[in-house]
Amino acid sequence: MRALRVLIPAAALIVACSEPGAGQAQPAFAQPNRVPPASAAAVKTSFAPVVKRAAPAVVNISARRIVRAQTDPFWELFGLGVPRARVANSLGSGTIVRPDGVIVTNNHVVEGGQEITVALADRREFPARILLADPRTDLAVLKIDVPAGERLPVLPIDDTGDTEVGDLVLAIGDPFGVGQTVTNGIVSAINRTADPSGDGGSAYIQTDAAINPGNSGGALVDMDGDLIGVNSFILSRSGTSSGVGFAIPAAVVRRVVETAVGGGRAVIRPWLGARTQSVTSEIARSLGLPLPQGALVADVWPNGAAARAGLRQGDVITEVDGRPVVDAASLNYAIATHRPGDTIHLTVRREAGRQETVSLRAEAPPATPARDQRTIEGQNPLNGATVVNLSPAVADELGLDPFGGPGVLISGLGRGFAASAGFRPGDIIRSVNGRRVETVSQLVAALEAPSRGWQVVFERGGQTITARF
């Protein structure tokens, strides 16, 4: 069962500690150097100052949508039955990141919502519109219209990346709809790849702060009172908090917010231009590496960013901008948090243990061949299927392997024979009646050729399937 997603608020924790016997006043926030509590009194220090600063910027979000369902599936088989409408509601949290009413939350909180309402900490309610929704990061950016001249409280986004395991954090949200609630804990892990459906480019902050349904989209705050993550989901067998919660890091949050505020409709993520795999113990031994860490370059896209930077098969990427690469997922995450046009410095281990630093210019994955998205018509087994050319840009957008070879991707199914024939979105058409298919134009030509039957070869989940009609 996939990890349950929940509303997770977070507030910065302030710990004021003093040396034993010191009589001077406590600082408002902890100093950058991290020290454990020095006394029993320090352990009892209140987080109230941080809560007072962070809580006003955490909001409640409700999304309402109309869902239509058949009264009886049996009659649906014959095209009969009257669909009935029901109202579905979802509840979550969000964080104000700009004083003019820009709010960030989880995409799954507002997905499909036709009426979105934001309730501020002072209980005022405002209708909201979606500026940008990014299912891949599970982030959405909302906008509410506040009275002229009013500036809402905000949480500054801290994407410096200096969060460490053991740091104190607060989670603030509205679990189970009981009202704004604050929980505290520590950072249990960073750069954690925990989403079973992830594509290797997601790295979360793990925390043991209690997170329950209704907390999704809330803020995870550090001891300086800054937003370090957006609480997204938990791992739990019961559906309630088991002390294993995950937040989307602030670096990703900032990229999505900047795109939305700048008028972008989609987040453009830089692409390495190479296929990598995590260095395992076996790979480390074979390459003479002291530790099983880093990302091994298995393939390089011709004339891509990696190729122009001089990367080649067999290289092991050990650092990105001076920060260690633990595995392929952490490498993909580090690349994706940059902006197109940025210069990224990679530390690479080559044959005989030679270390080199190469500079790579971040760029979006190429959209070659062009999308050429169409809906197939006519008397053929793919009637009603929406298809698109498979390029690195499309593959990256959908979380597919861009090195899987050319083909035509089924991106959606409408009314038509394709759905009843068993085709699914994500299937990659490789050939029709023995004719190799690499573009939508070739697919249409193959389907229009006179034929008394059809043989379609397609790939699904890494398996090749041959279907005859």
Foldseek 3Di string as FASTA:
>chain_A
DFFFWAFKAKWAFAFFADAPPDDDDTDLHDDPDDDPHRDPVSVVDDRVSRCVQFQQFKKKKKFKAKDWDFPDVVVVVVVDGDIDIDIDMAIHMWGDAWQQFKIKFFLVRHPRGPWMWIAGLVRDIFTWDWLEHANQLRMTIIGTGDPPPGGGRGAHQDQPPPFDWFFKMKIWWQAPNPGIDIWIWTFHDWQDDDGPPHLLQFIWTWWQTWTAHNNGHHFIHHRVGHGQWTWIGAGDPVRGRPRTTTTGGSLVVVQVSVCSVVRHHYRFFFDLQFDWWFQDPVNCVVQVHPDRAFIFTQGGHPPDQNVVQPDDHGKTWQDKPRHGGGTSSSVSNVRRSDDQQDKIWTWIQHHPRDIDITITGTDGFDCPPPFPWDADPDPDQRHQFIKTWQAPNVCVSVSHDRPPAAFIFGQDGDPDNNVVVPDDGGKTWQDKPPHGHRGPVSVNVSRPPDDPWIWTWIDDPNDIDIDID
